[in-house]
Amino acid sequence: LMVSYLGSRRKQPSWMPDDEWAGVVKVNTEVLPTYAQAKQEA
């Protein structure tokens, strides 16, 4: 069992609304880009 991060995704899942996905993208690119990259890779 690995504990990851809710926003660890490269693409918007079909079930996630655009406004929620925009928040994920902002965190992953502006707030915690290295963390998002590390989690996605793992």
PDB file of all heavy atoms in Angstrom:
ATOM      1  N   LEU A   1       0.848  -1.173   0.000  1.00  0.00           N
ATOM      2  CA  LEU A   1       0.000   0.000   0.000  1.00  0.00           C
ATOM      3  C   LEU A   1       0.890   1.233   0.000  1.00  0.00           C
ATOM      4  O   LEU A   1       1.741   1.383   0.872  1.00  0.00           O
ATOM      5  CB  LEU A   1      -0.924   0.035   1.223  1.00  0.00           C
ATOM      6  CG  LEU A   1      -1.916   1.215   1.237  1.00  0.00           C
ATOM      7  CD1 LEU A   1      -3.262   0.776   1.775  1.00  0.00           C
ATOM      8  CD2 LEU A   1      -1.389   2.393   2.018  1.00  0.00           C
ATOM      9  N   MET A   2       0.701   2.072  -0.991  1.00  0.00           N
ATOM     10  CA  MET A   2       1.418   3.333  -1.060  1.00  0.00           C
ATOM     11  C   MET A   2       0.421   4.459  -0.830  1.00  0.00           C
ATOM     12  O   MET A   2      -0.681   4.444  -1.390  1.00  0.00           O
ATOM     13  CB  MET A   2       2.077   3.527  -2.426  1.00  0.00           C
ATOM     14  CG  MET A   2       2.799   4.867  -2.531  1.00  0.00           C
ATOM     15  SD  MET A   2       3.841   5.031  -3.972  1.00  0.00           S
ATOM     16  CE  MET A   2       2.654   4.964  -5.294  1.00  0.00           C
ATOM     17  N   VAL A   3       0.802   5.422  -0.016  1.00  0.00           N
ATOM     18  CA  VAL A   3      -0.015   6.621   0.155  1.00  0.00           C
ATOM     19  C   VAL A   3       0.498   7.644  -0.840  1.00  0.00           C
ATOM     20  O   VAL A   3       1.659   8.041  -0.790  1.00  0.00           O
ATOM     21  CB  VAL A   3       0.058   7.153   1.600  1.00  0.00           C
ATOM     22  CG1 VAL A   3      -0.747   8.442   1.723  1.00  0.00           C
ATOM     23  CG2 VAL A   3      -0.464   6.110   2.575  1.00  0.00           C
ATOM     24  N   SER A   4      -0.354   8.034  -1.752  1.00  0.00           N
ATOM     25  CA  SER A   4       0.015   8.972  -2.798  1.00  0.00           C
ATOM     26  C   SER A   4      -0.629  10.320  -2.539  1.00  0.00           C
ATOM     27  O   SER A   4      -0.587  10.824  -1.423  1.00  0.00           O
ATOM     28  CB  SER A   4      -0.370   8.417  -4.172  1.00  0.00           C
ATOM     29  OG  SER A   4       0.106   9.268  -5.196  1.00  0.00           O
ATOM     30  N   TYR A   5      -1.261  10.859  -3.566  1.00  0.00           N
ATOM     31  CA  TYR A   5      -1.812  12.215  -3.504  1.00  0.00           C
ATOM     32  C   TYR A   5      -2.968  12.297  -4.490  1.00  0.00           C
ATOM     33  O   TYR A   5      -2.851  11.862  -5.630  1.00  0.00           O
ATOM     34  CB  TYR A   5      -0.674  13.193  -3.792  1.00  0.00           C
ATOM     35  CG  TYR A   5      -0.998  14.460  -4.528  1.00  0.00           C
ATOM     36  CD1 TYR A   5      -1.834  15.418  -3.966  1.00  0.00           C
ATOM     37  CD2 TYR A   5      -0.450  14.723  -5.769  1.00  0.00           C
ATOM     38  CE1 TYR A   5      -2.115  16.593  -4.641  1.00  0.00           C
ATOM     39  CE2 TYR A   5      -0.719  15.901  -6.445  1.00  0.00           C
ATOM     40  CZ  TYR A   5      -1.551  16.832  -5.881  1.00  0.00           C
ATOM     41  OH  TYR A   5      -1.826  17.995  -6.537  1.00  0.00           O
ATOM     42  N   LEU A   6      -4.085  12.827  -4.048  1.00  0.00           N
ATOM     43  CA  LEU A   6      -5.319  12.893  -4.819  1.00  0.00           C
ATOM     44  C   LEU A   6      -5.128  13.494  -6.216  1.00  0.00           C
ATOM     45  O   LEU A   6      -5.720  13.038  -7.183  1.00  0.00           O
ATOM     46  CB  LEU A   6      -6.368  13.702  -4.043  1.00  0.00           C
ATOM     47  CG  LEU A   6      -7.744  13.875  -4.668  1.00  0.00           C
ATOM     48  CD1 LEU A   6      -8.442  12.528  -4.820  1.00  0.00           C
ATOM     49  CD2 LEU A   6      -8.586  14.806  -3.807  1.00  0.00           C
ATOM     50  N   GLY A   7      -4.295  14.496  -6.335  1.00  0.00           N
ATOM     51  CA  GLY A   7      -4.115  15.185  -7.617  1.00  0.00           C
ATOM     52  C   GLY A   7      -3.052  14.590  -8.507  1.00  0.00           C
ATOM     53  O   GLY A   7      -2.710  15.178  -9.537  1.00  0.00           O
ATOM     54  N   SER A   8      -2.537  13.438  -8.171  1.00  0.00           N
ATOM     55  CA  SER A   8      -1.475  12.823  -8.963  1.00  0.00           C
ATOM     56  C   SER A   8      -2.070  12.187 -10.219  1.00  0.00           C
ATOM     57  O   SER A   8      -2.460  11.031 -10.221  1.00  0.00           O
ATOM     58  CB  SER A   8      -0.746  11.773  -8.122  1.00  0.00           C
ATOM     59  OG  SER A   8       0.227  11.116  -8.906  1.00  0.00           O
ATOM     60  N   ARG A   9      -2.149  12.990 -11.267  1.00  0.00           N
ATOM     61  CA  ARG A   9      -2.704  12.549 -12.555  1.00  0.00           C
ATOM     62  C   ARG A   9      -2.108  13.379 -13.674  1.00  0.00           C
ATOM     63  O   ARG A   9      -1.861  14.559 -13.497  1.00  0.00           O
ATOM     64  CB  ARG A   9      -4.211  12.763 -12.619  1.00  0.00           C
ATOM     65  CG  ARG A   9      -4.985  12.049 -11.600  1.00  0.00           C
ATOM     66  CD  ARG A   9      -6.470  12.096 -11.920  1.00  0.00           C
ATOM     67  NE  ARG A   9      -7.145  11.199 -11.030  1.00  0.00           N
ATOM     68  CZ  ARG A   9      -7.248   9.883 -11.213  1.00  0.00           C
ATOM     69  NH1 ARG A   9      -6.747   9.337 -12.275  1.00  0.00           N
ATOM     70  NH2 ARG A   9      -7.851   9.131 -10.338  1.00  0.00           N
ATOM     71  N   ARG A  10      -1.929  12.764 -14.812  1.00  0.00           N
ATOM     72  CA  ARG A  10      -1.462  13.500 -15.997  1.00  0.00           C
ATOM     73  C   ARG A  10      -2.630  14.024 -16.821  1.00  0.00           C
ATOM     74  O   ARG A  10      -2.501  15.016 -17.519  1.00  0.00           O
ATOM     75  CB  ARG A  10      -0.598  12.609 -16.869  1.00  0.00           C
ATOM     76  CG  ARG A  10       0.716  12.258 -16.215  1.00  0.00           C
ATOM     77  CD  ARG A  10       1.667  11.614 -17.188  1.00  0.00           C
ATOM     78  NE  ARG A  10       2.796  11.052 -16.487  1.00  0.00           N
ATOM     79  CZ  ARG A  10       3.869  11.729 -16.129  1.00  0.00           C
ATOM     80  NH1 ARG A  10       3.955  12.994 -16.400  1.00  0.00           N
ATOM     81  NH2 ARG A  10       4.852  11.132 -15.488  1.00  0.00           N
ATOM     82  N   LYS A  11      -3.758  13.313 -16.764  1.00  0.00           N
ATOM     83  CA  LYS A  11      -4.920  13.675 -17.581  1.00  0.00           C
ATOM     84  C   LYS A  11      -6.165  13.775 -16.714  1.00  0.00           C
ATOM     85  O   LYS A  11      -6.287  13.085 -15.702  1.00  0.00           O
ATOM     86  CB  LYS A  11      -5.163  12.627 -18.668  1.00  0.00           C
ATOM     87  CG  LYS A  11      -4.048  12.485 -19.657  1.00  0.00           C
ATOM     88  CD  LYS A  11      -4.387  11.402 -20.654  1.00  0.00           C
ATOM     89  CE  LYS A  11      -3.205  11.129 -21.558  1.00  0.00           C
ATOM     90  NZ  LYS A  11      -3.430   9.960 -22.402  1.00  0.00           N
ATOM     91  N   GLN A  12      -7.094  14.582 -17.157  1.00  0.00           N
ATOM     92  CA  GLN A  12      -8.369  14.745 -16.458  1.00  0.00           C
ATOM     93  C   GLN A  12      -9.179  13.466 -16.572  1.00  0.00           C
ATOM     94  O   GLN A  12      -9.471  13.003 -17.666  1.00  0.00           O
ATOM     95  CB  GLN A  12      -9.144  15.910 -17.064  1.00  0.00           C
ATOM     96  CG  GLN A  12     -10.473  16.164 -16.402  1.00  0.00           C
ATOM     97  CD  GLN A  12     -11.201  17.376 -16.991  1.00  0.00           C
ATOM     98  OE1 GLN A  12     -10.702  18.028 -17.909  1.00  0.00           O
ATOM     99  NE2 GLN A  12     -12.359  17.665 -16.468  1.00  0.00           N
ATOM    100  N   PRO A  13      -9.574  12.876 -15.442  1.00  0.00           N
ATOM    101  CA  PRO A  13     -10.435  11.690 -15.518  1.00  0.00           C
ATOM    102  C   PRO A  13     -11.847  12.078 -15.961  1.00  0.00           C
ATOM    103  O   PRO A  13     -12.300  13.191 -15.703  1.00  0.00           O
ATOM    104  CB  PRO A  13     -10.421  11.134 -14.097  1.00  0.00           C
ATOM    105  CG  PRO A  13     -10.005  12.259 -13.227  1.00  0.00           C
ATOM    106  CD  PRO A  13      -9.212  13.205 -14.067  1.00  0.00           C
ATOM    107  N   SER A  14     -12.521  11.154 -16.582  1.00  0.00           N
ATOM    108  CA  SER A  14     -13.851  11.433 -17.137  1.00  0.00           C
ATOM    109  C   SER A  14     -14.851  11.858 -16.078  1.00  0.00           C
ATOM    110  O   SER A  14     -15.803  12.573 -16.376  1.00  0.00           O
ATOM    111  CB  SER A  14     -14.369  10.208 -17.889  1.00  0.00           C
ATOM    112  OG  SER A  14     -14.482   9.107 -16.998  1.00  0.00           O
ATOM    113  N   TRP A  15     -14.664  11.457 -14.850  1.00  0.00           N
ATOM    114  CA  TRP A  15     -15.620  11.753 -13.781  1.00  0.00           C
ATOM    115  C   TRP A  15     -15.356  13.069 -13.053  1.00  0.00           C
ATOM    116  O   TRP A  15     -16.109  13.455 -12.188  1.00  0.00           O
ATOM    117  CB  TRP A  15     -15.660  10.608 -12.767  1.00  0.00           C
ATOM    118  CG  TRP A  15     -14.321  10.349 -12.128  1.00  0.00           C
ATOM    119  CD1 TRP A  15     -13.785  11.012 -11.051  1.00  0.00           C
ATOM    120  CD2 TRP A  15     -13.360   9.385 -12.510  1.00  0.00           C
ATOM    121  NE1 TRP A  15     -12.540  10.515 -10.764  1.00  0.00           N
ATOM    122  CE2 TRP A  15     -12.262   9.510 -11.638  1.00  0.00           C
ATOM    123  CE3 TRP A  15     -13.317   8.405 -13.508  1.00  0.00           C
ATOM    124  CZ2 TRP A  15     -11.129   8.693 -11.736  1.00  0.00           C
ATOM    125  CZ3 TRP A  15     -12.188   7.602 -13.592  1.00  0.00           C
ATOM    126  CH2 TRP A  15     -11.122   7.753 -12.724  1.00  0.00           C
ATOM    127  N   MET A  16     -14.277  13.765 -13.406  1.00  0.00           N
ATOM    128  CA  MET A  16     -13.920  14.982 -12.680  1.00  0.00           C
ATOM    129  C   MET A  16     -14.341  16.224 -13.475  1.00  0.00           C
ATOM    130  O   MET A  16     -13.929  16.406 -14.617  1.00  0.00           O
ATOM    131  CB  MET A  16     -12.415  15.035 -12.410  1.00  0.00           C
ATOM    132  CG  MET A  16     -12.001  16.176 -11.503  1.00  0.00           C
ATOM    133  SD  MET A  16     -10.221  16.144 -11.137  1.00  0.00           S
ATOM    134  CE  MET A  16     -10.137  14.699 -10.093  1.00  0.00           C
ATOM    135  N   PRO A  17     -15.143  17.095 -12.867  1.00  0.00           N
ATOM    136  CA  PRO A  17     -15.575  18.323 -13.553  1.00  0.00           C
ATOM    137  C   PRO A  17     -14.385  19.236 -13.894  1.00  0.00           C
ATOM    138  O   PRO A  17     -13.340  19.206 -13.237  1.00  0.00           O
ATOM    139  CB  PRO A  17     -16.492  19.011 -12.539  1.00  0.00           C
ATOM    140  CG  PRO A  17     -16.829  17.976 -11.518  1.00  0.00           C
ATOM    141  CD  PRO A  17     -15.720  16.977 -11.523  1.00  0.00           C
ATOM    142  N   ASP A  18     -14.578  20.061 -14.916  1.00  0.00           N
ATOM    143  CA  ASP A  18     -13.515  20.942 -15.397  1.00  0.00           C
ATOM    144  C   ASP A  18     -12.968  21.861 -14.307  1.00  0.00           C
ATOM    145  O   ASP A  18     -11.755  22.088 -14.238  1.00  0.00           O
ATOM    146  CB  ASP A  18     -14.010  21.793 -16.574  1.00  0.00           C
ATOM    147  CG  ASP A  18     -14.252  20.970 -17.832  1.00  0.00           C
ATOM    148  OD1 ASP A  18     -13.756  19.820 -17.919  1.00  0.00           O
ATOM    149  OD2 ASP A  18     -14.945  21.480 -18.734  1.00  0.00           O
ATOM    150  N   ASP A  19     -13.839  22.410 -13.461  1.00  0.00           N
ATOM    151  CA  ASP A  19     -13.354  23.327 -12.426  1.00  0.00           C
ATOM    152  C   ASP A  19     -12.482  22.613 -11.405  1.00  0.00           C
ATOM    153  O   ASP A  19     -11.482  23.168 -10.931  1.00  0.00           O
ATOM    154  CB  ASP A  19     -14.509  24.066 -11.749  1.00  0.00           C
ATOM    155  CG  ASP A  19     -15.486  23.135 -11.029  1.00  0.00           C
ATOM    156  OD1 ASP A  19     -15.674  21.982 -11.485  1.00  0.00           O
ATOM    157  OD2 ASP A  19     -16.058  23.559 -10.011  1.00  0.00           O
ATOM    158  N   GLU A  20     -12.807  21.372 -11.075  1.00  0.00           N
ATOM    159  CA  GLU A  20     -11.974  20.591 -10.157  1.00  0.00           C
ATOM    160  C   GLU A  20     -10.632  20.266 -10.813  1.00  0.00           C
ATOM    161  O   GLU A  20      -9.583  20.344 -10.177  1.00  0.00           O
ATOM    162  CB  GLU A  20     -12.687  19.308  -9.728  1.00  0.00           C
ATOM    163  CG  GLU A  20     -13.869  19.536  -8.825  1.00  0.00           C
ATOM    164  CD  GLU A  20     -13.491  19.995  -7.424  1.00  0.00           C
ATOM    165  OE1 GLU A  20     -12.383  19.674  -6.945  1.00  0.00           O
ATOM    166  OE2 GLU A  20     -14.313  20.690  -6.789  1.00  0.00           O
ATOM    167  N   TRP A  21     -10.688  19.895 -12.096  1.00  0.00           N
ATOM    168  CA  TRP A  21      -9.447  19.586 -12.815  1.00  0.00           C
ATOM    169  C   TRP A  21      -8.552  20.829 -12.908  1.00  0.00           C
ATOM    170  O   TRP A  21      -7.329  20.719 -12.768  1.00  0.00           O
ATOM    171  CB  TRP A  21      -9.742  19.022 -14.198  1.00  0.00           C
ATOM    172  CG  TRP A  21      -8.481  18.727 -14.960  1.00  0.00           C
ATOM    173  CD1 TRP A  21      -8.042  19.336 -16.089  1.00  0.00           C
ATOM    174  CD2 TRP A  21      -7.483  17.753 -14.627  1.00  0.00           C
ATOM    175  NE1 TRP A  21      -6.847  18.809 -16.477  1.00  0.00           N
ATOM    176  CE2 TRP A  21      -6.484  17.834 -15.601  1.00  0.00           C
ATOM    177  CE3 TRP A  21      -7.350  16.827 -13.596  1.00  0.00           C
ATOM    178  CZ2 TRP A  21      -5.348  17.012 -15.578  1.00  0.00           C
ATOM    179  CZ3 TRP A  21      -6.220  16.011 -13.571  1.00  0.00           C
ATOM    180  CH2 TRP A  21      -5.234  16.113 -14.553  1.00  0.00           C
ATOM    181  N   ALA A  22      -9.148  21.986 -13.114  1.00  0.00           N
ATOM    182  CA  ALA A  22      -8.360  23.228 -13.168  1.00  0.00           C
ATOM    183  C   ALA A  22      -7.608  23.447 -11.856  1.00  0.00           C
ATOM    184  O   ALA A  22      -6.453  23.907 -11.855  1.00  0.00           O
ATOM    185  CB  ALA A  22      -9.263  24.418 -13.479  1.00  0.00           C
ATOM    186  N   GLY A  23      -8.232  23.117 -10.746  1.00  0.00           N
ATOM    187  CA  GLY A  23      -7.564  23.227  -9.450  1.00  0.00           C
ATOM    188  C   GLY A  23      -6.397  22.260  -9.333  1.00  0.00           C
ATOM    189  O   GLY A  23      -5.337  22.610  -8.796  1.00  0.00           O
ATOM    190  N   VAL A  24      -6.562  21.042  -9.836  1.00  0.00           N
ATOM    191  CA  VAL A  24      -5.479  20.058  -9.823  1.00  0.00           C
ATOM    192  C   VAL A  24      -4.311  20.577 -10.662  1.00  0.00           C
ATOM    193  O   VAL A  24      -3.155  20.544 -10.230  1.00  0.00           O
ATOM    194  CB  VAL A  24      -5.960  18.689 -10.364  1.00  0.00           C
ATOM    195  CG1 VAL A  24      -4.787  17.741 -10.588  1.00  0.00           C
ATOM    196  CG2 VAL A  24      -6.980  18.069  -9.433  1.00  0.00           C
ATOM    197  N   VAL A  25      -4.619  21.063 -11.849  1.00  0.00           N
ATOM    198  CA  VAL A  25      -3.572  21.563 -12.743  1.00  0.00           C
ATOM    199  C   VAL A  25      -2.816  22.718 -12.091  1.00  0.00           C
ATOM    200  O   VAL A  25      -1.580  22.771 -12.138  1.00  0.00           O
ATOM    201  CB  VAL A  25      -4.165  21.979 -14.110  1.00  0.00           C
ATOM    202  CG1 VAL A  25      -3.142  22.723 -14.958  1.00  0.00           C
ATOM    203  CG2 VAL A  25      -4.690  20.746 -14.841  1.00  0.00           C
ATOM    204  N   LYS A  26      -3.525  23.614 -11.449  1.00  0.00           N
ATOM    205  CA  LYS A  26      -2.867  24.751 -10.794  1.00  0.00           C
ATOM    206  C   LYS A  26      -1.909  24.282  -9.700  1.00  0.00           C
ATOM    207  O   LYS A  26      -0.759  24.739  -9.629  1.00  0.00           O
ATOM    208  CB  LYS A  26      -3.904  25.709 -10.209  1.00  0.00           C
ATOM    209  CG  LYS A  26      -3.271  26.918  -9.560  1.00  0.00           C
ATOM    210  CD  LYS A  26      -4.282  27.927  -9.104  1.00  0.00           C
ATOM    211  CE  LYS A  26      -3.519  29.098  -8.498  1.00  0.00           C
ATOM    212  NZ  LYS A  26      -4.321  30.260  -8.333  1.00  0.00           N
ATOM    213  N   VAL A  27      -2.367  23.371  -8.848  1.00  0.00           N
ATOM    214  CA  VAL A  27      -1.497  22.862  -7.791  1.00  0.00           C
ATOM    215  C   VAL A  27      -0.303  22.128  -8.395  1.00  0.00           C
ATOM    216  O   VAL A  27       0.844  22.329  -7.977  1.00  0.00           O
ATOM    217  CB  VAL A  27      -2.274  21.943  -6.821  1.00  0.00           C
ATOM    218  CG1 VAL A  27      -1.336  21.209  -5.873  1.00  0.00           C
ATOM    219  CG2 VAL A  27      -3.294  22.746  -6.033  1.00  0.00           C
ATOM    220  N   ASN A  28      -0.552  21.299  -9.399  1.00  0.00           N
ATOM    221  CA  ASN A  28       0.512  20.488  -9.988  1.00  0.00           C
ATOM    222  C   ASN A  28       1.525  21.289 -10.791  1.00  0.00           C
ATOM    223  O   ASN A  28       2.661  20.849 -10.944  1.00  0.00           O
ATOM    224  CB  ASN A  28      -0.081  19.386 -10.867  1.00  0.00           C
ATOM    225  CG  ASN A  28      -0.748  18.294 -10.057  1.00  0.00           C
ATOM    226  OD1 ASN A  28      -0.712  18.290  -8.834  1.00  0.00           O
ATOM    227  ND2 ASN A  28      -1.379  17.371 -10.737  1.00  0.00           N
ATOM    228  N   THR A  29       1.131  22.436 -11.309  1.00  0.00           N
ATOM    229  CA  THR A  29       2.060  23.218 -12.131  1.00  0.00           C
ATOM    230  C   THR A  29       2.604  24.456 -11.439  1.00  0.00           C
ATOM    231  O   THR A  29       3.702  24.906 -11.755  1.00  0.00           O
ATOM    232  CB  THR A  29       1.410  23.634 -13.463  1.00  0.00           C
ATOM    233  OG1 THR A  29       0.250  24.429 -13.195  1.00  0.00           O
ATOM    234  CG2 THR A  29       1.031  22.420 -14.302  1.00  0.00           C
ATOM    235  N   GLU A  30       1.831  25.013 -10.480  1.00  0.00           N
ATOM    236  CA  GLU A  30       2.249  26.266  -9.854  1.00  0.00           C
ATOM    237  C   GLU A  30       2.618  26.136  -8.382  1.00  0.00           C
ATOM    238  O   GLU A  30       3.523  26.816  -7.911  1.00  0.00           O
ATOM    239  CB  GLU A  30       1.138  27.313 -10.001  1.00  0.00           C
ATOM    240  CG  GLU A  30       0.822  27.696 -11.432  1.00  0.00           C
ATOM    241  CD  GLU A  30      -0.357  28.643 -11.539  1.00  0.00           C
ATOM    242  OE1 GLU A  30      -0.637  29.381 -10.567  1.00  0.00           O
ATOM    243  OE2 GLU A  30      -1.016  28.633 -12.593  1.00  0.00           O
ATOM    244  N   VAL A  31       1.911  25.304  -7.641  1.00  0.00           N
ATOM    245  CA  VAL A  31       2.099  25.245  -6.195  1.00  0.00           C
ATOM    246  C   VAL A  31       3.125  24.178  -5.804  1.00  0.00           C
ATOM    247  O   VAL A  31       4.070  24.455  -5.068  1.00  0.00           O
ATOM    248  CB  VAL A  31       0.754  24.994  -5.472  1.00  0.00           C
ATOM    249  CG1 VAL A  31       0.947  24.933  -3.966  1.00  0.00           C
ATOM    250  CG2 VAL A  31      -0.259  26.067  -5.842  1.00  0.00           C
ATOM    251  N   LEU A  32       2.933  22.962  -6.274  1.00  0.00           N
ATOM    252  CA  LEU A  32       3.811  21.842  -5.908  1.00  0.00           C
ATOM    253  C   LEU A  32       4.239  21.024  -7.134  1.00  0.00           C
ATOM    254  O   LEU A  32       4.001  19.809  -7.202  1.00  0.00           O
ATOM    255  CB  LEU A  32       3.091  20.914  -4.916  1.00  0.00           C
ATOM    256  CG  LEU A  32       2.795  21.473  -3.537  1.00  0.00           C
ATOM    257  CD1 LEU A  32       1.871  20.543  -2.767  1.00  0.00           C
ATOM    258  CD2 LEU A  32       4.087  21.686  -2.771  1.00  0.00           C
ATOM    259  N   PRO A  33       4.888  21.652  -8.108  1.00  0.00           N
ATOM    260  CA  PRO A  33       5.198  20.920  -9.339  1.00  0.00           C
ATOM    261  C   PRO A  33       6.160  19.746  -9.147  1.00  0.00           C
ATOM    262  O   PRO A  33       5.976  18.698  -9.756  1.00  0.00           O
ATOM    263  CB  PRO A  33       5.791  21.982 -10.262  1.00  0.00           C
ATOM    264  CG  PRO A  33       6.275  23.061  -9.354  1.00  0.00           C
ATOM    265  CD  PRO A  33       5.344  23.042  -8.172  1.00  0.00           C
ATOM    266  N   THR A  34       7.169  19.896  -8.310  1.00  0.00           N
ATOM    267  CA  THR A  34       8.116  18.801  -8.095  1.00  0.00           C
ATOM    268  C   THR A  34       7.443  17.639  -7.374  1.00  0.00           C
ATOM    269  O   THR A  34       7.639  16.472  -7.723  1.00  0.00           O
ATOM    270  CB  THR A  34       9.349  19.284  -7.310  1.00  0.00           C
ATOM    271  OG1 THR A  34       9.930  20.381  -8.019  1.00  0.00           O
ATOM    272  CG2 THR A  34      10.373  18.188  -7.140  1.00  0.00           C
ATOM    273  N   TYR A  35       6.646  17.954  -6.379  1.00  0.00           N
ATOM    274  CA  TYR A  35       5.908  16.929  -5.641  1.00  0.00           C
ATOM    275  C   TYR A  35       4.955  16.190  -6.586  1.00  0.00           C
ATOM    276  O   TYR A  35       4.898  14.945  -6.582  1.00  0.00           O
ATOM    277  CB  TYR A  35       5.139  17.579  -4.495  1.00  0.00           C
ATOM    278  CG  TYR A  35       4.320  16.640  -3.666  1.00  0.00           C
ATOM    279  CD1 TYR A  35       4.929  15.709  -2.826  1.00  0.00           C
ATOM    280  CD2 TYR A  35       2.931  16.680  -3.695  1.00  0.00           C
ATOM    281  CE1 TYR A  35       4.176  14.838  -2.043  1.00  0.00           C
ATOM    282  CE2 TYR A  35       2.175  15.821  -2.915  1.00  0.00           C
ATOM    283  CZ  TYR A  35       2.797  14.910  -2.099  1.00  0.00           C
ATOM    284  OH  TYR A  35       2.046  14.052  -1.330  1.00  0.00           O
ATOM    285  N   ALA A  36       4.218  16.917  -7.398  1.00  0.00           N
ATOM    286  CA  ALA A  36       3.285  16.292  -8.337  1.00  0.00           C
ATOM    287  C   ALA A  36       4.030  15.374  -9.306  1.00  0.00           C
ATOM    288  O   ALA A  36       3.585  14.252  -9.576  1.00  0.00           O
ATOM    289  CB  ALA A  36       2.504  17.364  -9.096  1.00  0.00           C
ATOM    290  N   GLN A  37       5.147  15.843  -9.810  1.00  0.00           N
ATOM    291  CA  GLN A  37       5.949  15.030 -10.737  1.00  0.00           C
ATOM    292  C   GLN A  37       6.431  13.752 -10.049  1.00  0.00           C
ATOM    293  O   GLN A  37       6.349  12.664 -10.618  1.00  0.00           O
ATOM    294  CB  GLN A  37       7.152  15.828 -11.235  1.00  0.00           C
ATOM    295  CG  GLN A  37       8.114  15.020 -12.080  1.00  0.00           C
ATOM    296  CD  GLN A  37       9.454  15.713 -12.277  1.00  0.00           C
ATOM    297  OE1 GLN A  37       9.593  16.904 -12.034  1.00  0.00           O
ATOM    298  NE2 GLN A  37      10.437  14.969 -12.711  1.00  0.00           N
ATOM    299  N   ALA A  38       6.943  13.890  -8.827  1.00  0.00           N
ATOM    300  CA  ALA A  38       7.458  12.725  -8.091  1.00  0.00           C
ATOM    301  C   ALA A  38       6.348  11.712  -7.826  1.00  0.00           C
ATOM    302  O   ALA A  38       6.544  10.498  -7.988  1.00  0.00           O
ATOM    303  CB  ALA A  38       8.099  13.174  -6.784  1.00  0.00           C
ATOM    304  N   LYS A  39       5.201  12.184  -7.404  1.00  0.00           N
ATOM    305  CA  LYS A  39       4.086  11.290  -7.110  1.00  0.00           C
ATOM    306  C   LYS A  39       3.563  10.614  -8.372  1.00  0.00           C
ATOM    307  O   LYS A  39       3.258   9.410  -8.366  1.00  0.00           O
ATOM    308  CB  LYS A  39       2.955  12.045  -6.399  1.00  0.00           C
ATOM    309  CG  LYS A  39       3.262  12.349  -4.945  1.00  0.00           C
ATOM    310  CD  LYS A  39       3.538  11.074  -4.165  1.00  0.00           C
ATOM    311  CE  LYS A  39       3.403  11.263  -2.686  1.00  0.00           C
ATOM    312  NZ  LYS A  39       3.646   9.997  -1.975  1.00  0.00           N
ATOM    313  N   GLN A  40       3.454  11.360  -9.468  1.00  0.00           N
ATOM    314  CA  GLN A  40       2.999  10.764 -10.726  1.00  0.00           C
ATOM    315  C   GLN A  40       3.947   9.660 -11.171  1.00  0.00           C
ATOM    316  O   GLN A  40       3.513   8.576 -11.576  1.00  0.00           O
ATOM    317  CB  GLN A  40       2.887  11.833 -11.816  1.00  0.00           C
ATOM    318  CG  GLN A  40       1.717  12.751 -11.645  1.00  0.00           C
ATOM    319  CD  GLN A  40       1.750  13.933 -12.599  1.00  0.00           C
ATOM    320  OE1 GLN A  40       2.634  14.064 -13.437  1.00  0.00           O
ATOM    321  NE2 GLN A  40       0.770  14.811 -12.459  1.00  0.00           N
ATOM    322  N   GLU A  41       5.231   9.925 -11.087  1.00  0.00           N
ATOM    323  CA  GLU A  41       6.234   8.934 -11.483  1.00  0.00           C
ATOM    324  C   GLU A  41       6.110   7.676 -10.620  1.00  0.00           C
ATOM    325  O   GLU A  41       6.115   6.555 -11.131  1.00  0.00           O
ATOM    326  CB  GLU A  41       7.628   9.531 -11.365  1.00  0.00           C
ATOM    327  CG  GLU A  41       8.747   8.587 -11.706  1.00  0.00           C
ATOM    328  CD  GLU A  41       8.836   8.193 -13.162  1.00  0.00           C
ATOM    329  OE1 GLU A  41       8.366   8.961 -14.029  1.00  0.00           O
ATOM    330  OE2 GLU A  41       9.366   7.105 -13.443  1.00  0.00           O
ATOM    331  N   ALA A  42       5.997   7.846  -9.317  1.00  0.00           N
ATOM    332  CA  ALA A  42       5.884   6.696  -8.407  1.00  0.00           C
ATOM    333  C   ALA A  42       4.571   5.937  -8.639  1.00  0.00           C
ATOM    334  O   ALA A  42       4.558   4.698  -8.652  1.00  0.00           O
ATOM    335  CB  ALA A  42       5.993   7.156  -6.961  1.00  0.00           C
TER     336      ALA A  42
END
